């Protein structure tokens, strides 16, 4: 085989495999469908904050468009004013931007098309494809039948076109009570697909809309508004989650009847994450019932919660890529998400020394008034981040767990008579243990070797343990929020009531001592607290009230506990 052919084969082998959506697009482009144009959209409902599952969909829709030099719209499906709020709109805009995606000038709302949607509904009535039904919601449900038993036609199904047009206009004009009439598609009541049994198109709802106010009192149903909005925007590939697969025949039916531009709906498996609930309704319950402090509580799987906890957009995009695009539902272990943020922060996070459970250390042979400024590396993974100065003095704090009076074998931290390295500082040896009247250790006394400055011996001797510390005289008191998983069960939805699986010890608030470098920490800044974990300065943090949220540990502590 010649070298050119060999190189081509190697290039093909190294190419990332296409997911099934990309395979569809590649074939469409090969055949010239849509003139090889790719146009997607992300269509959230503004009735709650976006969560990690939406992040996967955002990455898929925007990422697919970017890959094929296409376009992706941000479109709000604002067809249910009773549950929508401008707060949710603003949060969604912020989340999509934070993830790193840009819709340019293509931000739309379903409400932009309310008049067109109404006009198309009138066309369906004129074509004998829709009728006004007076049955109640309970009666409609009863008449619909079961998956194995055909439904019963509404007694109002054969109204004349003229009567249906008149009633529909009067619905629009607000002449009827809410729930008294709906517009239904005239498809049939014997389809094995329940969604095709004369589904609702419009309902009466007297609620103030965040964009249109009281102009409308009838609102389109999702299945109708969604496909027609896609058509109006000339979306080529309407990518949605797997639960909409059974809705696809209805998506196609509306567009075929209206004889308008017809996008292709493609379904993929939604993201299910262990130890997590993804239902907006359940997340709203957590907020309203005060199990969490709000939508952006760092224990929540919302994008705003993850951002406040210290997750980076790069880590979430990387997670979405690793999860991939599947055709079947499965549950992804949350440890993969934690791995992605740990991997990203290892490269970018500023290292600092912080003590969460302090034990006082007095270096008896260190001069009382001497303060040294020692060099500390900001990030060994990135030399360009440089170094910082850390103050060192006679009295320090170390982690209480880094000392044991009667240590077991292979305990390489501090104990009576043992020598350890203080990170960036000196070797110290414990000479005395001070206890209170109850026998509790209150402080330890040590000596230091001045010939080991910087943490290195000049005589070649080595120590096994290195521990971190802060200077008592210079450290800053701060608050550390230590977060654990919000649910104790791998699948919280297994229980009849998911709230019975809530971990009531998911937050521990600790007073900690941080090096003075953190005094002017800006909210949202990521750090690695050396030997402890990754933390992020909280949005409410200030120089007068430092608050840090734990993002994740330095390793997966849950894996060994399973």
Protein backbone atom coordinates (compact mmCIF):
# COMPACT_ATOMS: atom_id res chain seq x y z
CA UNK A 1 0.00 0.00 0.00
CA UNK A 2 1.46 3.38 -0.97
CA UNK A 3 1.97 6.13 1.62
CA UNK A 4 -0.85 8.36 0.33
CA UNK A 5 -3.45 5.61 0.71
CA UNK A 6 -2.05 4.71 4.13
CA UNK A 7 -2.35 8.33 5.27
CA UNK A 8 -5.92 8.55 4.02
CA UNK A 9 -6.86 5.40 5.96
CA UNK A 10 -5.23 6.78 9.11
CA UNK A 11 -7.14 10.04 8.72
CA UNK A 12 -10.39 8.13 8.34
CA UNK A 13 -9.62 6.05 11.43
CA UNK A 14 -8.89 9.17 13.47
CA UNK A 15 -12.09 10.93 12.43
CA UNK A 16 -14.64 11.01 15.24
CA UNK A 17 -17.63 8.82 14.47
CA UNK A 18 -20.85 10.57 13.54
CA UNK A 19 -23.87 10.34 15.81
CA UNK A 20 -27.14 9.30 14.21
CA UNK A 21 -28.35 12.92 13.90
CA UNK A 22 -25.18 13.88 12.07
CA UNK A 23 -25.61 10.85 9.82
CA UNK A 24 -29.09 12.11 8.87
CA UNK A 25 -27.72 15.59 8.17
CA UNK A 26 -24.81 14.22 6.15
CA UNK A 27 -27.24 12.26 3.99
CA UNK A 28 -29.52 15.29 3.62
CA UNK A 29 -26.56 17.39 2.53
CA UNK A 30 -25.42 14.68 0.10
CA UNK A 31 -28.83 14.61 -1.60
CA UNK A 32 -29.22 18.40 -1.54
CA UNK A 33 -32.24 18.36 0.75
CA UNK A 34 -32.92 21.89 2.09
CA UNK A 35 -30.18 23.00 -0.35
CA UNK A 36 -27.66 21.51 2.12
CA UNK A 37 -28.82 24.04 4.68
CA UNK A 38 -28.77 23.21 8.44
CA UNK A 39 -30.97 25.27 10.73
CA UNK A 40 -31.82 24.08 14.26
CA UNK A 41 -33.47 25.69 17.26
CA UNK A 42 -33.52 25.42 21.05
CA UNK A 43 -37.15 25.96 22.16
CA UNK A 44 -37.45 26.16 25.99
CA UNK A 45 -40.67 26.85 27.84
CA UNK A 46 -40.18 29.88 30.14
CA UNK A 47 -41.83 28.14 33.11
CA UNK A 48 -38.72 27.34 35.14
CA UNK A 49 -34.95 27.44 35.15
CA UNK A 50 -32.95 25.30 32.75
CA UNK A 51 -31.17 22.22 34.11
CA UNK A 52 -28.30 19.98 33.04
CA UNK A 53 -30.63 18.04 30.73
CA UNK A 54 -31.40 21.25 28.86
CA UNK A 55 -27.66 21.95 28.72
CA UNK A 56 -27.21 18.75 26.73
CA UNK A 57 -29.95 19.86 24.31
CA UNK A 58 -28.42 23.35 24.03
CA UNK A 59 -25.01 21.87 23.22
CA UNK A 60 -26.56 19.48 20.69
CA UNK A 61 -28.67 22.07 18.85
CA UNK A 62 -26.14 24.88 18.80
CA UNK A 63 -23.19 22.52 18.38
CA UNK A 64 -24.76 20.74 15.41
CA UNK A 65 -25.47 24.05 13.70
CA UNK A 66 -21.89 25.20 14.30
CA UNK A 67 -20.45 21.96 12.94
CA UNK A 68 -22.33 22.36 9.66
CA UNK A 69 -21.86 26.12 9.39
CA UNK A 70 -25.58 26.54 9.95
CA UNK A 71 -27.81 28.52 12.26
CA UNK A 72 -29.55 27.88 15.56
CA UNK A 73 -32.45 29.94 16.90
CA UNK A 74 -33.37 30.53 20.51
CA UNK A 75 -37.17 30.38 20.62
CA UNK A 76 -39.32 30.60 23.71
CA UNK A 77 -42.40 28.39 23.67
CA UNK A 78 -44.49 30.89 25.59
CA UNK A 79 -47.96 29.44 24.97
CA UNK A 80 -49.05 28.91 28.60
CA UNK A 81 -49.12 32.33 30.34
CA UNK A 82 -50.41 30.86 33.60
CA UNK A 83 -47.02 29.25 34.29
CA UNK A 84 -44.61 31.62 32.57
CA UNK A 85 -42.60 34.52 33.90
CA UNK A 86 -40.11 37.06 32.56
CA UNK A 87 -37.74 35.89 35.33
CA UNK A 88 -37.50 32.53 33.58
CA UNK A 89 -36.93 34.18 30.19
CA UNK A 90 -34.04 36.23 31.58
CA UNK A 91 -32.49 33.21 33.29
CA UNK A 92 -32.65 31.13 30.10
CA UNK A 93 -30.97 33.87 28.06
CA UNK A 94 -28.21 34.12 30.68
CA UNK A 95 -27.72 30.34 30.81
CA UNK A 96 -27.42 29.87 27.04
CA UNK A 97 -24.96 32.76 26.77
CA UNK A 98 -22.94 31.48 29.72
CA UNK A 99 -22.61 28.08 28.04
CA UNK A 100 -20.91 29.91 25.20
CA UNK A 101 -23.54 29.93 22.46
CA UNK A 102 -24.81 32.82 20.35
CA UNK A 103 -28.13 33.00 18.51
CA UNK A 104 -27.09 36.33 16.94
CA UNK A 105 -30.30 38.16 15.95
CA UNK A 106 -32.45 35.03 16.03
CA UNK A 107 -34.23 35.15 19.36
CA UNK A 108 -37.92 34.46 18.84
CA UNK A 109 -41.06 33.67 20.81
CA UNK A 110 -44.02 31.52 19.87
CA UNK A 111 -46.04 34.59 20.81
CA UNK A 112 -44.43 36.36 17.83
CA UNK A 113 -46.55 34.05 15.70
CA UNK A 114 -49.87 34.16 17.58
CA UNK A 115 -51.68 35.85 14.68
CA UNK A 116 -50.20 33.45 12.12
CA UNK A 117 -51.04 30.48 14.32
CA UNK A 118 -54.60 31.72 14.62
CA UNK A 119 -54.87 32.24 10.86
CA UNK A 120 -53.55 28.72 10.20
CA UNK A 121 -56.12 27.34 12.65
CA UNK A 122 -58.85 29.15 10.72
CA UNK A 123 -57.51 27.50 7.56
CA UNK A 124 -57.82 24.07 9.20
CA UNK A 125 -61.44 24.83 10.09
CA UNK A 126 -62.19 25.98 6.54
CA UNK A 127 -60.63 22.78 5.20
CA UNK A 128 -62.87 20.71 7.47
CA UNK A 129 -59.87 19.57 9.54
CA UNK A 130 -60.79 21.18 12.86
CA UNK A 131 -63.90 21.73 14.97
CA UNK A 132 -65.05 23.40 18.17
CA UNK A 133 -65.81 20.93 20.95
CA UNK A 134 -67.91 21.65 24.03
CA UNK A 135 -66.94 18.54 25.97
CA UNK A 136 -65.28 19.08 29.33
CA UNK A 137 -61.68 17.96 29.93
CA UNK A 138 -62.98 14.94 31.86
CA UNK A 139 -65.37 13.99 29.06
CA UNK A 140 -62.67 14.33 26.40
CA UNK A 141 -60.44 12.03 28.41
CA UNK A 142 -63.29 9.52 28.77
CA UNK A 143 -64.18 9.68 25.07
CA UNK A 144 -60.56 9.19 24.01
CA UNK A 145 -60.63 5.48 24.85
CA UNK A 146 -57.54 3.42 25.66
CA UNK A 147 -54.52 2.26 23.63
CA UNK A 148 -56.38 -1.01 22.93
CA UNK A 149 -59.87 0.45 22.60
CA UNK A 150 -60.93 3.06 20.00
CA UNK A 151 -62.27 6.35 21.23
CA UNK A 152 -65.71 7.84 20.70
CA UNK A 153 -66.28 10.81 18.43
CA UNK A 154 -67.36 14.06 20.05
CA UNK A 155 -71.05 14.86 19.52
CA UNK A 156 -69.86 18.29 18.29
CA UNK A 157 -67.52 16.87 15.66
CA UNK A 158 -69.86 17.42 12.72
CA UNK A 159 -70.64 21.06 13.28
CA UNK A 160 -70.68 23.04 10.06
CA UNK A 161 -67.61 24.96 8.95
CA UNK A 162 -69.56 28.20 9.31
CA UNK A 163 -70.54 27.43 12.92
CA UNK A 164 -66.99 26.41 13.81
CA UNK A 165 -65.57 29.62 12.33
CA UNK A 166 -68.10 31.70 14.24
CA UNK A 167 -67.45 29.93 17.54
CA UNK A 168 -63.68 30.14 17.11
CA UNK A 169 -63.81 33.87 16.53
CA UNK A 170 -66.08 34.29 19.55
CA UNK A 171 -63.60 32.24 21.60
CA UNK A 172 -60.93 34.70 20.50
CA UNK A 173 -63.16 37.61 21.50
CA UNK A 174 -63.58 36.24 25.02
CA UNK A 175 -67.28 35.37 24.88
CA UNK A 176 -66.99 31.97 26.58
CA UNK A 177 -65.80 30.81 30.01
CA UNK A 178 -62.41 29.16 30.37
CA UNK A 179 -62.62 25.43 29.74
CA UNK A 180 -66.05 25.59 28.08
CA UNK A 181 -64.82 25.12 24.50
CA UNK A 182 -61.68 23.99 22.70
CA UNK A 183 -60.62 23.73 19.08
CA UNK A 184 -59.75 20.15 18.13
CA UNK A 185 -58.16 18.62 15.06
CA UNK A 186 -60.44 16.31 13.09
CA UNK A 187 -58.23 13.26 12.52
CA UNK A 188 -60.01 10.20 13.90
CA UNK A 189 -60.67 8.34 17.13
CA UNK A 190 -59.38 4.89 16.21
CA UNK A 191 -55.66 5.57 15.88
CA UNK A 192 -53.42 3.35 18.06
CA UNK A 193 -51.51 6.56 18.79
CA UNK A 194 -53.54 8.35 21.47
CA UNK A 195 -52.06 11.71 20.47
CA UNK A 196 -53.78 11.42 17.09
CA UNK A 197 -57.31 11.05 18.47
CA UNK A 198 -58.73 14.47 17.61
CA UNK A 199 -56.17 16.37 19.72
CA UNK A 200 -56.69 19.89 21.06
CA UNK A 201 -55.31 22.80 19.06
CA UNK A 202 -56.55 25.84 21.04
CA UNK A 203 -57.92 26.34 24.54
CA UNK A 204 -59.43 29.32 26.34
CA UNK A 205 -57.21 30.74 29.07
CA UNK A 206 -57.75 34.07 30.82
CA UNK A 207 -54.26 34.92 31.99
CA UNK A 208 -51.97 37.89 31.45
CA UNK A 209 -49.19 37.03 29.04
CA UNK A 210 -45.72 38.43 29.81
CA UNK A 211 -45.40 39.75 26.24
CA UNK A 212 -48.90 40.13 24.76
CA UNK A 213 -50.73 41.15 27.94
CA UNK A 214 -54.50 40.59 27.63
CA UNK A 215 -54.62 40.73 23.84
CA UNK A 216 -55.32 37.00 23.58
CA UNK A 217 -57.54 34.76 25.65
CA UNK A 218 -57.04 31.66 23.51
CA UNK A 219 -53.66 29.99 23.31
CA UNK A 220 -52.34 27.26 21.00
CA UNK A 221 -51.38 23.86 22.35
CA UNK A 222 -47.72 22.82 22.28
CA UNK A 223 -47.99 20.18 19.53
CA UNK A 224 -49.59 22.66 17.17
CA UNK A 225 -47.56 25.76 18.02
CA UNK A 226 -44.27 23.92 18.00
CA UNK A 227 -44.38 22.45 14.51
CA UNK A 228 -45.88 25.58 12.92
CA UNK A 229 -43.25 27.78 14.61
CA UNK A 230 -40.55 25.46 13.25
CA UNK A 231 -42.08 25.85 9.81
CA UNK A 232 -42.32 29.63 10.00
CA UNK A 233 -38.63 29.82 10.98
CA UNK A 234 -37.76 27.31 8.23
CA UNK A 235 -36.02 24.99 10.65
CA UNK A 236 -34.50 22.05 8.78
CA UNK A 237 -33.89 19.60 11.63
CA UNK A 238 -36.20 19.83 14.64
CA UNK A 239 -34.20 17.99 17.30
CA UNK A 240 -36.13 17.01 20.42
CA UNK A 241 -36.09 14.41 23.18
CA UNK A 242 -37.38 10.88 22.87
CA UNK A 243 -40.71 11.42 24.61
CA UNK A 244 -41.82 13.42 21.55
CA UNK A 245 -41.39 10.44 19.22
CA UNK A 246 -45.08 9.53 19.63
CA UNK A 247 -45.95 13.17 18.85
CA UNK A 248 -44.12 13.10 15.52
CA UNK A 249 -47.11 11.82 13.48
CA UNK A 250 -49.11 14.80 14.75
CA UNK A 251 -46.19 17.15 13.97
CA UNK A 252 -46.21 15.83 10.42
CA UNK A 253 -50.03 15.86 10.13
CA UNK A 254 -50.38 19.55 10.95
CA UNK A 255 -47.70 20.57 8.45
CA UNK A 256 -49.05 18.30 5.75
CA UNK A 257 -52.59 19.63 6.16
CA UNK A 258 -51.41 23.24 6.11
CA UNK A 259 -49.14 22.57 3.10
CA UNK A 260 -46.29 24.61 4.54
CA UNK A 261 -42.52 24.14 4.81
CA UNK A 262 -41.92 20.82 6.52
CA UNK A 263 -38.95 20.40 8.91
CA UNK A 264 -37.87 16.91 9.97
CA UNK A 265 -38.39 16.03 13.63
CA UNK A 266 -35.58 13.87 15.05
CA UNK A 267 -35.69 12.45 18.58
CA UNK A 268 -32.77 11.63 20.87
CA UNK A 269 -32.61 10.20 24.38
CA UNK A 270 -32.94 12.81 27.10
CA UNK A 271 -30.29 13.06 29.81
CA UNK A 272 -31.07 11.14 32.97
CA UNK A 273 -28.56 11.63 35.76
CA UNK A 274 -28.12 9.49 38.87
CA UNK A 275 -28.94 11.04 42.26
CA UNK A 276 -30.85 13.75 40.41
CA UNK A 277 -34.40 14.70 39.47
CA UNK A 278 -34.94 16.46 36.14
CA UNK A 279 -38.65 17.25 36.27
CA UNK A 280 -39.31 20.99 36.31
CA UNK A 281 -42.35 20.32 38.46
CA UNK A 282 -40.25 18.51 41.05
CA UNK A 283 -37.51 21.12 40.95
CA UNK A 284 -40.17 23.76 41.54
CA UNK A 285 -41.39 21.74 44.53
CA UNK A 286 -37.89 21.74 45.98
CA UNK A 287 -37.79 25.52 45.68
CA UNK A 288 -41.32 26.28 46.89
CA UNK A 289 -41.13 23.83 49.82
CA UNK A 290 -37.75 25.29 50.92
CA UNK A 291 -35.72 22.10 50.57
CA UNK A 292 -33.24 24.36 48.76
CA UNK A 293 -32.62 28.10 48.90
CA UNK A 294 -33.74 28.78 45.32
CA UNK A 295 -33.38 27.79 41.68
CA UNK A 296 -29.67 28.60 41.85
CA UNK A 297 -28.98 26.65 45.02
CA UNK A 298 -25.65 24.88 44.32
CA UNK A 299 -27.27 21.52 45.09
CA UNK A 300 -29.75 21.95 42.25
CA UNK A 301 -29.06 20.46 38.79
CA UNK A 302 -30.05 23.79 37.21
CA UNK A 303 -27.47 25.52 35.05
CA UNK A 304 -27.60 28.52 37.40
CA UNK A 305 -27.06 26.19 40.38
CA UNK A 306 -24.11 24.50 38.72
CA UNK A 307 -22.67 27.90 37.79
CA UNK A 308 -22.97 29.12 41.38
CA UNK A 309 -21.35 25.92 42.61
CA UNK A 310 -18.34 26.55 40.39
CA UNK A 311 -18.96 24.45 37.30
CA UNK A 312 -17.47 25.94 34.16
CA UNK A 313 -19.18 26.12 30.77
CA UNK A 314 -16.25 24.15 29.32
CA UNK A 315 -16.81 21.30 31.78
CA UNK A 316 -20.53 21.09 30.96
CA UNK A 317 -19.89 21.19 27.21
CA UNK A 318 -17.28 18.45 27.63
CA UNK A 319 -19.74 16.41 29.68
CA UNK A 320 -22.38 16.73 26.96
CA UNK A 321 -19.85 15.56 24.38
CA UNK A 322 -18.80 12.56 26.49
CA UNK A 323 -22.41 11.53 27.09
CA UNK A 324 -23.02 11.60 23.35
CA UNK A 325 -26.30 11.25 21.48
CA UNK A 326 -28.28 8.06 21.94
CA UNK A 327 -31.60 6.67 20.68
CA UNK A 328 -32.47 4.88 23.93
CA UNK A 329 -32.93 6.27 27.42
CA UNK A 330 -30.31 5.42 30.02
CA UNK A 331 -29.03 6.83 33.29
CA UNK A 332 -25.65 8.56 33.30
CA UNK A 333 -23.65 8.37 36.54
CA UNK A 334 -23.32 11.85 38.03
CA UNK A 335 -19.68 11.03 38.75
CA UNK A 336 -18.98 11.61 35.04
CA UNK A 337 -20.21 15.19 35.38
CA UNK A 338 -18.04 15.61 38.49
CA UNK A 339 -15.06 14.15 36.63
CA UNK A 340 -15.50 16.67 33.81
CA UNK A 341 -15.47 19.68 36.13
CA UNK A 342 -12.55 18.23 38.12
CA UNK A 343 -10.60 17.69 34.89
CA UNK A 344 -11.27 21.25 33.73
CA UNK A 345 -10.58 22.96 37.05
CA UNK A 346 -7.33 21.07 37.50
CA UNK A 347 -6.02 22.99 34.48
CA UNK A 348 -7.40 26.42 35.31
CA UNK A 349 -8.09 26.80 39.05
CA UNK A 350 -5.87 28.95 41.25
CA UNK A 351 -4.31 26.94 44.11
CA UNK A 352 -4.66 28.34 47.62
CA UNK A 353 -4.20 27.00 51.15
CA UNK A 354 -7.23 26.86 53.40
CA UNK A 355 -7.88 25.15 56.72
CA UNK A 356 -11.42 23.88 57.38
CA UNK A 357 -10.89 22.18 60.75
CA UNK A 358 -8.10 24.12 62.44
CA UNK A 359 -5.52 22.87 64.91
CA UNK A 360 -3.10 25.43 66.34
CA UNK A 361 0.61 24.85 65.78
CA UNK A 362 3.27 26.85 67.66
CA UNK A 363 6.78 26.69 66.23
CA UNK A 364 8.75 27.16 69.44
CA UNK A 365 12.15 27.93 67.89
CA UNK A 366 10.81 30.40 65.32
CA UNK A 367 11.40 34.11 66.13
CA UNK A 368 8.33 35.71 67.73
CA UNK A 369 8.10 38.76 65.47
CA UNK A 370 9.44 37.35 62.23
CA UNK A 371 7.13 37.18 59.20
CA UNK A 372 8.41 35.66 55.97
CA UNK A 373 6.85 35.96 52.53
CA UNK A 374 7.23 32.56 50.92
CA UNK A 375 6.75 31.71 47.25
CA UNK A 376 3.77 29.49 46.42
CA UNK A 377 2.93 28.08 42.99
CA UNK A 378 -0.46 29.23 41.66
CA UNK A 379 -1.04 26.22 39.42
CA UNK A 380 1.54 23.52 38.63
CA UNK A 381 -0.49 22.65 35.49
CA UNK A 382 -0.02 26.16 34.07
CA UNK A 383 3.32 27.89 34.54
CA UNK A 384 1.95 31.13 33.11
CA UNK A 385 -0.16 31.59 36.25
CA UNK A 386 3.06 32.31 38.15
CA UNK A 387 3.53 32.45 41.89
CA UNK A 388 2.17 34.33 44.89
CA UNK A 389 3.51 35.29 48.31
CA UNK A 390 2.23 33.49 51.40
CA UNK A 391 2.96 34.91 54.88
CA UNK A 392 4.63 32.55 57.38
CA UNK A 393 4.93 33.19 61.11
CA UNK A 394 5.43 31.50 64.48
CA UNK A 395 1.81 30.38 64.98
CA UNK A 396 -0.04 28.45 62.29
CA UNK A 397 -3.23 26.51 61.72
CA UNK A 398 -3.18 23.05 60.15
CA UNK A 399 -6.02 20.62 59.51
CA UNK A 400 -6.94 18.72 62.66
CA UNK A 401 -6.95 15.48 60.64
CA UNK A 402 -3.30 16.05 59.73
CA UNK A 403 -2.25 15.25 63.31
CA UNK A 404 -2.64 12.04 65.32
CA UNK A 405 -1.23 11.46 68.76
CA UNK A 406 -1.23 7.69 68.33
CA UNK A 407 -1.06 7.14 64.58
CA UNK A 408 -1.45 3.82 62.80
CA UNK A 409 1.21 2.47 60.50
CA UNK A 410 1.68 4.37 57.25
CA UNK A 411 0.31 7.57 58.72
CA UNK A 412 2.58 10.03 56.95
CA UNK A 413 1.32 13.23 58.49
CA UNK A 414 2.18 14.89 61.79
CA UNK A 415 2.51 12.96 65.07
CA UNK A 416 4.73 13.17 68.17
CA UNK A 417 8.36 12.92 67.11
CA UNK A 418 7.49 12.78 63.43
CA UNK A 419 8.77 15.22 60.83
CA UNK A 420 6.67 16.57 57.96
CA UNK A 421 6.97 19.20 55.28
CA UNK A 422 4.87 22.36 55.49
CA UNK A 423 3.97 23.14 51.90
CA UNK A 424 6.23 25.86 50.44
CA UNK A 425 7.74 26.41 53.94
CA UNK A 426 9.87 24.22 56.21
CA UNK A 427 10.23 20.80 57.77
CA UNK A 428 8.72 20.70 61.25
CA UNK A 429 8.85 18.11 64.03
CA UNK A 430 6.20 17.73 66.76
CA UNK A 431 7.71 18.01 70.24
CA UNK A 432 4.70 18.52 72.53
CA UNK A 433 0.95 18.03 72.62
CA UNK A 434 -1.16 20.49 74.66
CA UNK A 435 -4.58 19.37 75.92
CA UNK A 436 -7.42 20.95 77.87
CA UNK A 437 -8.89 19.60 81.12
CA UNK A 438 -11.10 17.24 79.12
CA UNK A 439 -8.15 15.70 77.36
CA UNK A 440 -8.91 17.36 74.03
CA UNK A 441 -5.92 18.51 72.00
CA UNK A 442 -5.88 22.31 71.80
CA UNK A 443 -2.52 22.92 70.19
CA UNK A 444 0.75 21.25 69.33
CA UNK A 445 4.27 22.54 69.66
CA UNK A 446 6.88 21.93 66.99
CA UNK A 447 10.36 22.92 66.01
CA UNK A 448 11.38 23.85 62.49
CA UNK A 449 14.56 23.34 60.53
CA UNK A 450 15.62 26.72 59.06
CA UNK A 451 17.78 24.88 56.52
CA UNK A 452 14.68 23.52 54.76
CA UNK A 453 13.19 26.77 53.51
CA UNK A 454 10.87 26.24 50.59
CA UNK A 455 10.18 22.70 51.79
CA UNK A 456 13.43 21.14 50.62
CA UNK A 457 16.27 19.63 52.66
CA UNK A 458 19.87 20.60 52.00
CA UNK A 459 21.25 17.43 53.55
CA UNK A 460 19.32 15.02 51.34
CA UNK A 461 16.94 13.69 53.97
CA UNK A 462 13.35 13.13 52.88
CA UNK A 463 9.99 13.18 54.61
CA UNK A 464 6.93 11.25 53.52
CA UNK A 465 4.23 13.78 54.38
CA UNK A 466 3.38 17.26 53.13
CA UNK A 467 0.60 19.25 54.79
CA UNK A 468 -0.93 22.67 54.16
CA UNK A 469 -1.30 25.50 56.63
CA UNK A 470 -2.16 29.18 57.15
CA UNK A 471 -0.59 31.79 59.38
CA UNK A 472 -2.76 32.56 62.41
CA UNK A 473 -1.75 36.22 62.34
CA UNK A 474 -2.56 36.72 58.66
CA UNK A 475 -5.33 34.32 57.73
CA UNK A 476 -8.87 35.48 56.98
CA UNK A 477 -11.97 33.91 58.47
CA UNK A 478 -14.44 32.74 55.84
CA UNK A 479 -17.48 30.49 55.39
CA UNK A 480 -17.28 27.26 53.42
CA UNK A 481 -20.44 25.58 52.16
CA UNK A 482 -19.72 21.87 51.87
CA UNK A 483 -22.27 20.34 49.52
CA UNK A 484 -23.16 16.69 49.21
CA UNK A 485 -25.61 15.13 46.79
CA UNK A 486 -29.17 16.25 47.31
CA UNK A 487 -30.58 12.71 47.17
CA UNK A 488 -29.46 9.56 48.93
CA UNK A 489 -30.97 7.23 46.33
CA UNK A 490 -29.34 6.70 42.95
CA UNK A 491 -32.78 7.03 41.36
CA UNK A 492 -34.84 9.42 43.54
CA UNK A 493 -37.91 8.84 41.35
CA UNK A 494 -38.03 5.20 42.44
CA UNK A 495 -39.94 6.25 45.55
CA UNK A 496 -43.65 7.02 45.48
CA UNK A 497 -42.70 10.47 46.73
CA UNK A 498 -39.26 11.55 45.53
CA UNK A 499 -38.93 13.85 48.54
CA UNK A 500 -38.47 10.86 50.85
CA UNK A 501 -35.07 10.37 49.19
CA UNK A 502 -33.81 13.85 50.04
CA UNK A 503 -30.45 13.94 51.80
CA UNK A 504 -31.08 16.23 54.76
CA UNK A 505 -27.32 16.45 55.37
CA UNK A 506 -26.55 17.74 51.89
CA UNK A 507 -25.18 21.04 53.22
CA UNK A 508 -22.62 21.58 55.97
CA UNK A 509 -21.57 25.15 56.71
CA UNK A 510 -18.08 25.44 58.17
CA UNK A 511 -15.98 28.34 59.38
CA UNK A 512 -12.62 28.14 57.68
CA UNK A 513 -9.37 30.08 57.59
CA UNK A 514 -7.97 31.15 54.23
CA UNK A 515 -4.74 32.74 53.19
CA UNK A 516 -4.92 36.55 52.68
CA UNK A 517 -4.65 36.14 48.90
CA UNK A 518 -8.40 35.38 48.93
CA UNK A 519 -9.45 38.60 50.65
CA UNK A 520 -10.39 40.30 47.39
CA UNK A 521 -11.74 37.21 45.66
CA UNK A 522 -14.32 38.04 43.01
CA UNK A 523 -17.64 36.14 43.04
CA UNK A 524 -17.61 33.23 40.64
CA UNK A 525 -13.83 32.66 40.81
CA UNK A 526 -12.69 29.04 40.94
CA UNK A 527 -10.02 27.78 43.34
CA UNK A 528 -8.42 24.55 44.37
CA UNK A 529 -8.18 24.44 48.15
CA UNK A 530 -5.03 22.35 48.28
CA UNK A 531 -5.57 18.79 49.48
CA UNK A 532 -9.27 19.54 50.10
CA UNK A 533 -11.16 20.12 46.87
CA UNK A 534 -12.38 22.66 44.33
CA UNK A 535 -14.28 25.68 45.58
CA UNK A 536 -15.92 28.73 44.04
CA UNK A 537 -16.42 32.18 45.51
CA UNK A 538 -20.17 32.59 46.02
CA UNK A 539 -22.16 35.32 44.25
CA UNK A 540 -22.89 36.90 47.67
CA UNK A 541 -19.26 36.79 48.78
CA UNK A 542 -17.47 40.05 49.65
CA UNK A 543 -14.27 41.10 51.40
CA UNK A 544 -16.34 41.61 54.57
CA UNK A 545 -18.08 38.23 54.22
CA UNK A 546 -16.10 35.64 52.29
CA UNK A 547 -18.20 32.65 51.19
CA UNK A 548 -16.93 29.67 49.22
CA UNK A 549 -18.98 26.82 47.77
CA UNK A 550 -17.42 23.41 47.31
CA UNK A 551 -17.67 22.42 43.66
CA UNK A 552 -16.33 18.88 44.02
CA UNK A 553 -13.63 16.92 45.80
CA UNK A 554 -10.21 16.21 44.39
CA UNK A 555 -11.34 12.67 43.64
CA UNK A 556 -14.58 10.71 43.47
CA UNK A 557 -15.27 9.83 47.10
CA UNK A 558 -18.60 8.21 46.27
CA UNK A 559 -17.23 5.47 44.05
CA UNK A 560 -15.54 3.61 46.90
CA UNK A 561 -18.68 3.90 49.04
CA UNK A 562 -21.04 2.21 46.58
